Amino acid sequence: MSYLVLARKWRPKTFHEVTGQSHVVQALENALTSGRVHHAFLFAGTRGVGKTTIARILAKALNCENGVTAEPCGTCSACVAVDEGRFVDLIEVDAASRTGVDDTRELLENVQYTPAAGRFKVYLIDEVHMLSRQSFNALLKTLEEPPPHVKFLFATTDPQKLPVTVLSRCLQFNLKRLTMKQIVGRMQQICSAEDLDAETPALNRLGRAAAGSMRDGLSLLDQALAYGAERLTDTDVAEMLGSMDRQRIIELIDLVAAGQGADLIAAIHRLDELVPDYETLLGDIATALQRIAVIQVAGADAVEDEDELQSLVRLAESIDAESVQLYYQIAVMGRADLPLAPDPRLGFEMALLRMLAFRPTMPETAAESPRGASTPQGAPSAPRLAKPKPRPTRRDPAPVPRKEPAAPKRVQSVVADGPVEDIDDWPGFVATLSLDGAAQQLAANSALEAFSPFEMRLCVERCNESLLTDYLKGRLSAVIRQRVGSDIAVHFSITDNPLETAAARAAERRQAGMRKAQAAIEDDPGVRQIVDVFNGEIVADSIRPIDQESPGQGEQK
């Protein structure tokens, strides 16, 4: 006997069984009850959220032998035939495999004929955005004025690819991604009905892995039941998904926050023995940090279905919000860098070491804490992390007088414990970059607006907006990351205010040199004598400062 997968066996058969799409169900039920049923519907949404399922229920509601109703009986011959996929007047088409205009014309040849068994002839076209432009053109006229016995139901994961002429002829419903709570609730109902032994943490882990798709969640549930021999345990599910015990994630964050580098390396070595999926592991760390940030802002009640809630609350009390945001950014960017690492384990290890390297320095006394508060009860032995104190080798952070017309605000920078370039003097820093051509021009005409270990914001005057091409921004960003840090994000903006840039500073030096050269020429006794004797005139444009001349030339007159 063949096995029917859970996603098909437990497919909703009525509108009341549909999970998480109440806004769509309510509209369809009201339309069916009032008799105001449009001739074309478009259901859009990501995979596995119920687009085709709702379309089939609508087809059943239109053809139920008890009449057009929002609650099809499910027992008449029409309802049973729709559920079993053999209803002759429900024509299902996979547009991904029938994209040609000839296929569409063949499909529309039978539109004019009345239904053979039902009340309406329903055309259900899945992944309709895959149809060719010619197919859409062939469909337009029939779609706008179909026979009264025809209904069109379209499903798509990418509605932006549909022509506006098609969209304007349809009622469009956007189906939402399902929450983890909704997916887990449905899994619990199925496990209870199937008399399956399932641990709640295991279902929570599957619900998170489903990423908003009910079908993906039920497929993972099937896989987990096969892996665990009809038993669903958190350990088996974690091994199947390649994820890690949540307590190990908490341990890693604890070690990073406490600055225990040696213990952190030892913990990574122990993890490596389990052969984990390091990309998933970094994702789990980022998820835990996001939960910690939410707890810091909205309290523990804002985090639902969290198995390690007490540990996360403790971390939220012991780590300052700035550090949580920094660790999260490094974890997310570490996932993007993982394919570039020589080995996934090395990339994961470097991501955690980067958190440790950019970790703010610890205050020497409790009085130096930025919040002036003692360590919360139950927190780790390490005190709350403080904002970093300026390094002794850096420039005085007091504002430096500017020479442009409007004095810009002082750049706010955060310095890590490791060696970091002194970039407060941005024009001087630009002079040390290995750039040439237009990329050097972009750097010379930019000004530093803000800088932190994970973000840099550069500003360009509107008159130089043409330099902000993707290619030039990419070249400048790559050179900056080589000097400052591979994880830093470089952003560009445009302003109408004058900026202190390397180009502006160089232009000011040239003007000063020109004024000095002109004064030297005009004050030279020999030059004045020649002017007086020959009734001459000094041509200002012919004067060049010595440092701007070609070799071997003196001051020109």
Protein backbone atom coordinates (compact mmCIF):
# COMPACT_ATOMS: atom_id res chain seq x y z
CA MET A 1 0.00 0.00 0.00
CA SER A 2 1.43 3.35 -1.00
CA TYR A 3 2.09 5.95 1.67
CA LEU A 4 0.40 9.35 1.38
CA VAL A 5 2.63 12.12 2.67
CA LEU A 6 1.32 14.29 5.50
CA ALA A 7 1.23 17.44 3.35
CA ARG A 8 -1.28 15.75 1.01
CA LYS A 9 -3.13 13.67 3.57
CA TRP A 10 -3.82 16.70 5.78
CA ARG A 11 -4.43 19.23 3.00
CA PRO A 12 -7.36 21.46 4.13
CA LYS A 13 -10.67 20.51 2.52
CA THR A 14 -12.74 23.46 3.78
CA PHE A 15 -12.07 27.14 4.35
CA HIS A 16 -12.23 26.62 8.13
CA GLU A 17 -9.26 24.23 7.99
CA VAL A 18 -6.98 26.77 6.23
CA THR A 19 -4.29 28.07 8.59
CA GLY A 20 -3.16 31.69 8.76
CA GLN A 21 -4.99 33.17 5.74
CA SER A 22 -8.11 34.54 7.39
CA HIS A 23 -8.05 37.74 5.29
CA VAL A 24 -8.39 35.67 2.09
CA VAL A 25 -10.87 33.16 3.50
CA GLN A 26 -13.18 35.86 4.82
CA ALA A 27 -13.32 37.64 1.45
CA LEU A 28 -14.07 34.42 -0.43
CA GLU A 29 -16.71 33.28 2.04
CA ASN A 30 -18.50 36.64 1.85
CA ALA A 31 -18.37 36.58 -1.96
CA LEU A 32 -19.81 33.06 -2.11
CA THR A 33 -22.53 33.87 0.42
CA SER A 34 -23.63 37.04 -1.37
CA GLY A 35 -23.26 35.59 -4.87
CA ARG A 36 -20.76 38.29 -5.93
CA VAL A 37 -18.17 35.88 -7.28
CA HIS A 38 -15.64 37.40 -9.69
CA HIS A 39 -14.70 35.50 -12.83
CA ALA A 40 -10.89 35.66 -12.24
CA PHE A 41 -8.86 35.30 -9.02
CA LEU A 42 -5.13 35.60 -8.51
CA PHE A 43 -3.57 34.01 -5.40
CA ALA A 44 -0.01 35.22 -4.78
CA GLY A 45 2.41 34.17 -2.08
CA THR A 46 5.54 32.20 -1.27
CA ARG A 47 5.69 28.42 -1.54
CA GLY A 48 3.57 26.21 0.68
CA VAL A 49 1.21 28.84 2.14
CA GLY A 50 -2.03 27.52 0.59
CA LYS A 51 -2.50 29.12 -2.84
CA THR A 52 -3.51 25.95 -4.72
CA THR A 53 -5.35 24.58 -1.70
CA ILE A 54 -7.60 27.64 -1.43
CA ALA A 55 -8.19 27.57 -5.19
CA ARG A 56 -9.36 23.94 -5.02
CA ILE A 57 -11.66 24.66 -2.08
CA LEU A 58 -13.12 27.57 -4.07
CA ALA A 59 -13.69 25.27 -7.05
CA LYS A 60 -15.44 22.80 -4.75
CA ALA A 61 -17.59 25.57 -3.24
CA LEU A 62 -18.67 26.69 -6.73
CA ASN A 63 -19.64 23.17 -7.86
CA CYS A 64 -21.05 21.60 -4.71
CA GLU A 65 -24.34 19.83 -5.48
CA ASN A 66 -25.97 21.66 -2.55
CA GLY A 67 -25.45 24.95 -4.39
CA VAL A 68 -22.84 27.70 -4.40
CA THR A 69 -21.86 27.88 -0.75
CA ALA A 70 -19.04 28.97 1.52
CA GLU A 71 -19.26 25.57 3.26
CA PRO A 72 -19.13 22.76 0.68
CA CYS A 73 -20.55 19.51 2.00
CA GLY A 74 -17.52 17.39 1.11
CA THR A 75 -19.70 14.32 0.58
CA CYS A 76 -21.45 14.88 -2.77
CA SER A 77 -19.98 13.47 -5.96
CA ALA A 78 -18.60 16.87 -7.06
CA CYS A 79 -16.85 17.55 -3.74
CA VAL A 80 -15.39 14.05 -3.59
CA ALA A 81 -14.21 14.26 -7.20
CA VAL A 82 -12.46 17.61 -6.54
CA ASP A 83 -10.76 16.21 -3.41
CA GLU A 84 -9.58 13.17 -5.36
CA GLY A 85 -8.36 15.25 -8.31
CA ARG A 86 -10.69 13.71 -10.91
CA PHE A 87 -13.38 16.38 -11.33
CA VAL A 88 -13.77 16.78 -15.08
CA ASP A 89 -14.71 20.48 -14.95
CA LEU A 90 -11.67 21.46 -12.85
CA ILE A 91 -8.88 21.87 -15.38
CA GLU A 92 -5.52 22.21 -13.60
CA VAL A 93 -2.60 23.47 -15.66
CA ASP A 94 1.06 23.76 -14.67
CA ALA A 95 2.19 26.88 -16.51
CA ALA A 96 5.84 26.01 -15.89
CA SER A 97 5.54 23.06 -18.30
CA ARG A 98 3.02 24.59 -20.72
CA THR A 99 4.39 28.04 -21.43
CA GLY A 100 3.85 28.22 -25.19
CA VAL A 101 1.09 30.12 -26.96
CA ASP A 102 -0.08 26.92 -28.70
CA ASP A 103 -0.73 25.32 -25.31
CA THR A 104 -2.80 28.33 -24.24
CA ARG A 105 -4.82 28.35 -27.46
CA GLU A 106 -5.52 24.63 -27.09
CA LEU A 107 -6.65 25.26 -23.52
CA LEU A 108 -9.03 28.05 -24.56
CA GLU A 109 -10.61 26.09 -27.41
CA ASN A 110 -12.98 24.38 -24.98
CA VAL A 111 -13.89 27.50 -22.95
CA GLN A 112 -17.07 28.05 -24.96
CA TYR A 113 -18.51 24.63 -24.12
CA THR A 114 -20.68 24.26 -21.02
CA PRO A 115 -19.50 22.18 -18.04
CA ALA A 116 -19.90 18.41 -18.35
CA ALA A 117 -20.71 17.60 -14.72
CA GLY A 118 -20.55 20.72 -12.58
CA ARG A 119 -22.02 24.19 -12.37
CA PHE A 120 -18.86 26.00 -13.46
CA LYS A 121 -15.88 25.09 -15.58
CA VAL A 122 -12.88 26.15 -13.46
CA TYR A 123 -9.42 26.72 -14.96
CA LEU A 124 -6.72 26.53 -12.27
CA ILE A 125 -3.36 27.69 -13.68
CA ASP A 126 -0.46 27.23 -11.25
CA GLU A 127 2.74 29.33 -11.52
CA VAL A 128 0.95 31.51 -14.06
CA HIS A 129 3.89 33.95 -14.23
CA MET A 130 5.77 31.30 -16.28
CA LEU A 131 3.51 31.81 -19.30
CA SER A 132 5.10 33.54 -22.28
CA ARG A 133 4.11 37.03 -23.42
CA GLN A 134 2.30 35.56 -26.42
CA SER A 135 0.35 33.21 -24.11
CA PHE A 136 -0.79 36.13 -21.98
CA ASN A 137 -1.90 38.00 -25.10
CA ALA A 138 -3.91 34.99 -26.22
CA LEU A 139 -5.53 34.79 -22.79
CA LEU A 140 -6.43 38.48 -22.38
CA LYS A 141 -9.69 38.70 -24.31
CA THR A 142 -11.14 35.52 -22.83
CA LEU A 143 -9.99 36.60 -19.37
CA GLU A 144 -11.76 39.95 -19.69
CA GLU A 145 -15.10 38.62 -20.99
CA PRO A 146 -15.33 34.88 -20.27
CA PRO A 147 -18.55 32.89 -20.71
CA PRO A 148 -20.75 32.94 -17.58
CA HIS A 149 -19.98 29.30 -16.81
CA VAL A 150 -16.15 29.82 -16.64
CA LYS A 151 -13.98 30.85 -13.67
CA PHE A 152 -10.22 31.44 -13.81
CA LEU A 153 -8.07 30.76 -10.73
CA PHE A 154 -4.41 31.74 -10.97
CA ALA A 155 -1.62 30.94 -8.49
CA THR A 156 1.85 32.47 -8.55
CA THR A 157 4.91 33.00 -6.39
CA ASP A 158 6.01 36.04 -8.39
CA PRO A 159 3.11 38.38 -9.27
CA GLN A 160 5.52 41.12 -10.41
CA LYS A 161 6.16 39.11 -13.59
CA LEU A 162 2.52 39.21 -14.64
CA PRO A 163 1.53 41.88 -17.19
CA VAL A 164 -0.53 44.72 -15.73
CA THR A 165 -3.20 43.95 -18.32
CA VAL A 166 -3.71 40.55 -16.62
CA LEU A 167 -3.52 41.93 -13.09
CA SER A 168 -6.18 44.52 -13.86
CA ARG A 169 -8.62 41.76 -14.86
CA CYS A 170 -8.22 39.71 -11.65
CA LEU A 171 -9.08 39.98 -7.99
CA GLN A 172 -5.67 39.66 -6.33
CA PHE A 173 -5.17 38.04 -2.92
CA ASN A 174 -1.73 38.08 -1.29
CA LEU A 175 -1.24 35.12 1.02
CA LYS A 176 1.01 35.68 4.05
CA ARG A 177 3.91 33.64 5.30
CA LEU A 178 2.86 31.58 8.29
CA THR A 179 4.28 32.19 11.74
CA MET A 180 6.21 29.52 13.61
CA LYS A 181 3.38 29.33 16.15
CA GLN A 182 0.81 28.60 13.42
CA ILE A 183 2.97 25.91 11.83
CA VAL A 184 3.75 24.24 15.17
CA GLY A 185 0.07 24.34 16.15
CA ARG A 186 -0.91 22.53 12.95
CA MET A 187 1.88 19.97 13.49
CA GLN A 188 0.60 19.29 17.02
CA GLN A 189 -2.91 18.68 15.67
CA ILE A 190 -1.59 16.24 13.07
CA CYS A 191 0.63 14.40 15.57
CA SER A 192 -2.29 14.08 17.96
CA ALA A 193 -4.57 12.74 15.21
CA GLU A 194 -1.88 10.34 13.96
CA ASP A 195 -1.10 9.23 17.54
CA LEU A 196 2.56 10.20 17.15
CA ASP A 197 4.99 10.73 20.03
CA ALA A 198 6.44 14.21 19.48
CA GLU A 199 8.42 16.46 21.82
CA THR A 200 7.42 20.13 21.82
CA PRO A 201 11.04 21.39 21.40
CA ALA A 202 11.37 19.16 18.34
CA LEU A 203 8.22 20.65 16.79
CA ASN A 204 9.47 24.15 17.58
CA ARG A 205 12.73 23.38 15.80
CA LEU A 206 10.84 22.08 12.75
CA GLY A 207 8.58 25.14 12.80
CA ARG A 208 11.59 27.47 12.69
CA ALA A 209 13.17 25.45 9.87
CA ALA A 210 9.94 25.66 7.81
CA ALA A 211 10.57 29.40 7.29
CA GLY A 212 6.89 30.32 6.95
CA SER A 213 5.85 27.44 4.66
CA MET A 214 3.32 24.94 5.97
CA ARG A 215 4.14 22.44 3.23
CA ASP A 216 7.85 22.63 4.03
CA GLY A 217 7.04 22.13 7.70
CA LEU A 218 4.96 19.01 7.06
CA SER A 219 7.61 17.64 4.68
CA LEU A 220 10.22 18.11 7.42
CA LEU A 221 7.86 16.42 9.87
CA ASP A 222 7.64 13.42 7.52
CA GLN A 223 11.43 13.34 7.25
CA ALA A 224 11.88 13.59 11.02
CA LEU A 225 9.44 10.73 11.64
CA ALA A 226 11.37 8.55 9.20
CA TYR A 227 14.67 9.54 10.85
CA GLY A 228 13.43 8.87 14.39
CA ALA A 229 11.48 5.67 13.64
CA GLU A 230 8.05 7.21 14.29
CA ARG A 231 9.31 9.13 17.37
CA LEU A 232 10.04 12.83 17.30
CA THR A 233 12.78 13.94 19.70
CA ASP A 234 14.63 17.23 19.78
CA THR A 235 18.00 15.48 19.54
CA ASP A 236 17.02 13.54 16.42
CA VAL A 237 15.54 16.62 14.74
CA ALA A 238 18.66 18.66 15.52
CA GLU A 239 20.88 15.97 13.99
CA MET A 240 18.63 15.68 10.94
CA LEU A 241 18.61 19.45 10.31
CA GLY A 242 22.31 19.82 11.06
CA SER A 243 21.45 22.34 13.78
CA MET A 244 22.88 22.46 17.26
CA ASP A 245 21.56 22.15 20.78
CA ARG A 246 20.39 25.61 21.83
CA GLN A 247 22.37 25.37 25.07
CA ARG A 248 25.60 25.16 23.07
CA ILE A 249 24.61 28.37 21.26
CA ILE A 250 24.07 30.07 24.63
CA GLU A 251 27.48 28.82 25.77
CA LEU A 252 29.22 30.36 22.73
CA ILE A 253 27.54 33.74 23.29
CA ASP A 254 28.44 33.57 26.98
CA LEU A 255 32.11 32.99 26.18
CA VAL A 256 32.21 35.84 23.63
CA ALA A 257 30.54 38.25 26.07
CA ALA A 258 32.94 37.29 28.85
CA GLY A 259 35.99 37.63 26.58
CA GLN A 260 37.22 34.08 27.30
CA GLY A 261 39.13 33.43 24.08
CA ALA A 262 40.84 30.19 25.08
CA ASP A 263 37.60 28.63 26.31
CA LEU A 264 35.85 29.80 23.12
CA ILE A 265 38.40 28.00 20.92
CA ALA A 266 38.04 24.86 23.04
CA ALA A 267 34.24 25.02 22.67
CA ILE A 268 34.57 25.34 18.89
CA HIS A 269 36.84 22.28 18.83
CA ARG A 270 34.20 20.29 20.73
CA LEU A 271 31.53 21.44 18.28
CA ASP A 272 33.65 20.38 15.31
CA GLU A 273 33.53 16.77 16.53
CA LEU A 274 29.75 16.83 15.86
CA VAL A 275 30.34 17.90 12.22
CA PRO A 276 27.70 20.66 12.28
CA ASP A 277 26.45 22.82 9.43
CA TYR A 278 28.38 25.99 10.24
CA GLU A 279 26.14 28.24 8.16
CA THR A 280 23.13 27.01 10.11
CA LEU A 281 25.10 27.41 13.33
CA LEU A 282 25.85 31.08 12.59
CA GLY A 283 22.16 31.52 11.76
CA ASP A 284 21.22 30.04 15.13
CA ILE A 285 23.61 32.44 16.88
CA ALA A 286 22.09 35.39 14.98
CA THR A 287 18.59 34.19 15.93
CA ALA A 288 19.53 33.97 19.61
CA LEU A 289 21.05 37.47 19.49
CA GLN A 290 17.87 38.80 17.89
CA ARG A 291 15.83 37.27 20.73
CA ILE A 292 18.19 38.91 23.24
CA ALA A 293 17.73 42.31 21.57
CA VAL A 294 13.94 41.92 21.67
CA ILE A 295 14.06 41.02 25.37
CA GLN A 296 16.19 44.11 26.09
CA VAL A 297 13.66 46.37 24.37
CA ALA A 298 10.28 44.75 25.10
CA GLY A 299 10.87 42.23 27.90
CA ALA A 300 10.69 38.45 28.06
CA ASP A 301 6.97 38.35 27.28
CA ALA A 302 7.69 39.56 23.73
CA VAL A 303 9.54 36.31 22.90
CA GLU A 304 7.20 33.41 22.21
CA ASP A 305 7.93 29.68 22.11
CA GLU A 306 11.52 30.06 23.26
CA ASP A 307 12.98 26.96 24.90
CA GLU A 308 15.97 28.71 26.48
CA LEU A 309 14.11 31.81 27.67
CA GLN A 310 15.77 31.99 31.09
CA SER A 311 19.26 31.84 29.59
CA LEU A 312 18.38 34.51 27.04
CA VAL A 313 17.00 36.78 29.78
CA ARG A 314 20.26 36.36 31.71
CA LEU A 315 22.29 37.28 28.63
CA ALA A 316 20.03 40.26 27.93
CA GLU A 317 20.80 41.56 31.40
CA SER A 318 24.56 40.98 31.19
CA ILE A 319 25.34 42.25 27.65
CA ASP A 320 24.78 45.87 26.66
CA ALA A 321 22.53 46.56 23.67
CA GLU A 322 25.37 47.97 21.52
CA SER A 323 27.37 44.76 21.83
CA VAL A 324 24.33 42.63 20.96
CA GLN A 325 23.84 44.62 17.76
CA LEU A 326 27.54 44.31 16.89
CA TYR A 327 27.59 40.54 17.49
CA TYR A 328 24.44 40.12 15.38
CA GLN A 329 25.94 42.07 12.48
CA ILE A 330 29.13 40.00 12.58
CA ALA A 331 27.14 36.73 12.68
CA VAL A 332 24.99 37.71 9.69
CA MET A 333 27.93 38.94 7.61
CA GLY A 334 29.92 35.88 8.66
CA ARG A 335 27.31 33.67 6.96
CA ALA A 336 27.81 35.62 3.73
CA ASP A 337 31.60 35.24 4.00
CA LEU A 338 31.47 31.52 4.82
CA PRO A 339 31.67 30.30 1.16
CA LEU A 340 34.82 32.39 0.72
CA ALA A 341 36.61 30.85 3.70
CA PRO A 342 39.22 28.11 3.12
CA ASP A 343 37.11 25.82 5.28
CA PRO A 344 33.62 26.33 6.79
CA ARG A 345 34.90 25.63 10.29
CA LEU A 346 37.67 28.24 9.87
CA GLY A 347 35.13 30.80 8.63
CA PHE A 348 32.88 30.09 11.63
CA GLU A 349 35.82 30.34 14.01
CA MET A 350 36.96 33.65 12.52
CA ALA A 351 33.44 35.09 12.84
CA LEU A 352 33.44 34.38 16.59
CA LEU A 353 37.00 35.65 16.96
CA ARG A 354 35.91 38.82 15.15
CA MET A 355 33.20 39.27 17.80
CA LEU A 356 35.92 38.87 20.41
CA ALA A 357 38.28 41.31 18.66
CA PHE A 358 35.67 44.06 18.36
CA ARG A 359 34.33 43.41 21.83
CA PRO A 360 34.36 46.70 23.82
CA THR A 361 36.88 47.01 26.64
CA MET A 362 35.86 46.21 30.20
CA PRO A 363 35.64 49.07 32.74
CA GLU A 364 38.28 49.02 35.44
CA THR A 365 35.86 49.92 38.20
CA ALA A 366 32.12 49.81 38.65
CA ALA A 367 32.04 53.60 38.72
CA GLU A 368 33.28 53.71 35.12
CA SER A 369 30.30 51.68 33.85
CA PRO A 370 28.29 53.71 31.32
CA ARG A 371 25.09 52.93 33.16
CA GLY A 372 26.54 53.22 36.62
CA ALA A 373 24.80 50.02 37.69
CA SER A 374 26.12 46.84 39.26
CA THR A 375 26.01 43.49 37.54
CA PRO A 376 22.46 42.04 37.62
CA GLN A 377 21.87 39.06 39.86
CA GLY A 378 22.31 35.80 38.01
CA ALA A 379 24.58 37.31 35.32
CA PRO A 380 28.04 35.90 34.51
CA SER A 381 31.00 36.90 36.64
CA ALA A 382 32.12 39.42 33.99
CA PRO A 383 30.66 42.90 34.57
CA ARG A 384 28.51 44.73 32.00
CA LEU A 385 30.49 45.77 28.96
CA ALA A 386 31.23 49.45 28.61
CA LYS A 387 31.79 51.68 25.62
CA PRO A 388 35.48 51.84 24.68
CA LYS A 389 37.78 54.51 26.05
CA PRO A 390 39.95 56.40 23.52
CA ARG A 391 43.28 54.78 22.78
CA PRO A 392 46.29 56.84 23.92
CA THR A 393 47.74 56.90 20.39
CA ARG A 394 44.67 58.55 18.86
CA ARG A 395 44.21 62.23 18.21
CA ASP A 396 42.53 64.47 20.71
CA PRO A 397 38.78 63.98 20.18
CA ALA A 398 38.11 67.68 20.65
CA PRO A 399 36.68 69.33 17.50
CA VAL A 400 39.26 70.66 15.07
CA PRO A 401 38.54 74.04 13.40
CA ARG A 402 37.39 73.65 9.79
CA LYS A 403 37.97 76.06 6.93
CA GLU A 404 34.87 75.41 4.87
CA PRO A 405 31.91 77.83 5.03
CA ALA A 406 29.82 75.62 7.33
CA ALA A 407 31.43 73.62 10.12
CA PRO A 408 30.26 69.98 9.78
CA LYS A 409 29.53 67.83 12.80
CA ARG A 410 32.40 65.83 14.30
CA VAL A 411 32.67 62.19 13.15
CA GLN A 412 31.59 59.76 15.87
CA SER A 413 33.92 56.77 15.80
CA VAL A 414 34.17 53.58 17.83
CA VAL A 415 37.59 51.96 18.18
CA ALA A 416 38.19 48.24 18.64
CA ASP A 417 40.84 46.71 20.92
CA GLY A 418 43.03 45.81 17.93
CA PRO A 419 45.02 48.21 15.73
CA VAL A 420 42.64 50.40 13.73
CA GLU A 421 43.51 53.10 11.21
CA ASP A 422 43.22 56.66 12.50
CA ILE A 423 40.66 57.93 10.01
CA ASP A 424 39.35 61.00 11.82
CA ASP A 425 41.57 62.96 9.42
CA TRP A 426 39.78 61.55 6.40
CA PRO A 427 41.63 63.61 3.72
CA GLY A 428 44.94 62.41 5.17
CA PHE A 429 43.64 58.83 5.31
CA VAL A 430 42.54 59.00 1.65
CA ALA A 431 46.08 59.95 0.61
CA THR A 432 47.33 56.57 1.93
CA LEU A 433 44.85 54.45 -0.05
CA SER A 434 46.10 52.45 -3.04
CA LEU A 435 43.73 53.88 -5.63
CA ASP A 436 44.02 55.46 -9.04
CA GLY A 437 41.83 56.87 -11.77
CA ALA A 438 38.16 57.58 -11.11
CA ALA A 439 38.12 55.54 -7.89
CA GLN A 440 40.80 57.84 -6.48
CA GLN A 441 38.67 60.82 -7.54
CA LEU A 442 35.68 59.39 -5.64
CA ALA A 443 37.78 58.94 -2.51
CA ALA A 444 39.27 62.43 -2.83
CA ASN A 445 35.82 64.03 -3.20
CA SER A 446 34.19 62.18 -0.30
CA ALA A 447 34.02 63.04 3.40
CA LEU A 448 33.64 60.76 6.41
CA GLU A 449 30.26 61.23 8.06
CA ALA A 450 30.29 58.41 10.65
CA PHE A 451 32.41 55.38 11.49
CA SER A 452 32.02 52.32 13.71
CA PRO A 453 33.64 48.86 13.66
CA PHE A 454 30.85 47.56 11.44
CA GLU A 455 29.68 50.57 9.43
CA MET A 456 31.19 53.56 7.61
CA ARG A 457 29.15 56.35 6.03
CA LEU A 458 30.73 58.53 3.36
CA CYS A 459 29.20 61.72 1.96
CA VAL A 460 29.69 63.27 -1.50
CA GLU A 461 28.69 66.74 -2.68
CA ARG A 462 25.90 66.80 -5.26
CA CYS A 463 28.20 68.29 -7.89
CA ASN A 464 30.23 65.02 -7.78
CA GLU A 465 27.19 62.71 -7.87
CA SER A 466 28.33 61.25 -11.20
CA LEU A 467 31.20 59.49 -9.39
CA LEU A 468 28.78 57.30 -7.41
CA THR A 469 28.67 54.38 -9.82
CA ASP A 470 28.42 50.80 -8.52
CA TYR A 471 31.85 49.97 -9.93
CA LEU A 472 33.65 52.91 -8.28
CA LYS A 473 31.82 52.43 -4.97
CA GLY A 474 32.80 48.75 -5.04
CA ARG A 475 36.49 49.54 -5.68
CA LEU A 476 36.64 52.14 -2.90
CA SER A 477 34.76 49.87 -0.46
CA ALA A 478 37.12 46.96 -1.16
CA VAL A 479 40.23 49.07 -0.47
CA ILE A 480 38.68 50.46 2.74
CA ARG A 481 37.87 46.94 3.96
CA GLN A 482 41.48 45.90 3.39
CA ARG A 483 42.63 48.73 5.65
CA VAL A 484 39.88 48.87 8.28
CA GLY A 485 38.14 45.49 8.44
CA SER A 486 36.63 42.93 6.09
CA ASP A 487 33.21 43.07 7.79
CA ILE A 488 32.66 46.81 7.62
CA ALA A 489 29.72 48.02 5.52
CA VAL A 490 30.41 51.16 3.48
CA HIS A 491 27.43 53.39 2.64
CA PHE A 492 27.36 56.51 0.46
CA SER A 493 25.07 59.55 0.57
CA ILE A 494 24.76 62.91 -1.24
CA THR A 495 24.61 66.36 0.34
CA ASP A 496 24.21 69.94 -0.84
CA ASN A 497 26.54 71.27 1.89
CA PRO A 498 30.26 71.92 1.32
CA LEU A 499 32.52 69.16 2.65
CA GLU A 500 36.11 68.97 3.80
CA THR A 501 37.56 66.49 1.34
CA ALA A 502 41.02 65.58 0.13
CA ALA A 503 40.23 67.33 -3.17
CA ALA A 504 39.10 70.48 -1.35
CA ARG A 505 42.22 70.45 0.79
CA ALA A 506 44.44 70.04 -2.30
CA ALA A 507 42.62 72.86 -4.09
CA GLU A 508 43.15 75.12 -1.08
CA ARG A 509 46.87 74.33 -1.09
CA ARG A 510 47.09 75.13 -4.80
CA GLN A 511 45.33 78.44 -4.32
CA ALA A 512 47.62 79.34 -1.44
CA GLY A 513 50.65 78.43 -3.54
CA MET A 514 49.33 80.52 -6.45
CA ARG A 515 48.79 83.54 -4.23
CA LYS A 516 52.30 83.18 -2.84
CA ALA A 517 53.80 82.86 -6.34
CA GLN A 518 51.89 85.93 -7.59
CA ALA A 519 53.04 87.95 -4.59
CA ALA A 520 56.64 86.81 -5.17
CA ILE A 521 56.52 87.87 -8.83
CA GLU A 522 54.91 91.23 -8.12
CA ASP A 523 57.38 92.04 -5.33
CA ASP A 524 60.46 90.98 -7.30
CA PRO A 525 62.62 94.16 -8.02
CA GLY A 526 63.76 92.86 -11.39
CA VAL A 527 60.20 92.20 -12.53
CA ARG A 528 59.05 95.66 -11.40
CA GLN A 529 61.97 97.28 -13.29
CA ILE A 530 61.06 95.43 -16.51
CA VAL A 531 57.42 96.48 -16.17
CA ASP A 532 58.39 100.10 -15.63
CA VAL A 533 60.94 100.27 -18.46
CA PHE A 534 58.91 98.44 -21.11
CA ASN A 535 55.48 99.56 -19.87
CA GLY A 536 54.70 95.87 -19.48
CA GLU A 537 51.99 93.91 -17.72
CA ILE A 538 52.15 90.73 -15.62
CA VAL A 539 49.92 87.95 -17.04
CA ALA A 540 48.53 86.24 -13.97
CA ASP A 541 47.58 83.02 -15.82
CA SER A 542 51.21 82.45 -16.80
CA ILE A 543 52.40 82.22 -13.18
CA ARG A 544 52.90 78.76 -11.72
CA PRO A 545 54.15 77.89 -8.24
CA ILE A 546 57.48 76.07 -8.25
CA ASP A 547 55.98 72.85 -6.81
CA GLN A 548 53.50 72.71 -9.73
CA GLU A 549 56.08 73.19 -12.50
CA SER A 550 57.75 70.56 -14.58
CA PRO A 551 61.38 69.78 -13.64
CA GLY A 552 63.92 72.39 -14.67
CA GLN A 553 61.51 75.31 -14.87
CA GLY A 554 61.56 78.39 -12.68
CA GLU A 555 58.84 80.91 -12.06
CA GLN A 556 57.30 81.96 -15.33
CA LYS A 557 56.25 85.51 -16.11
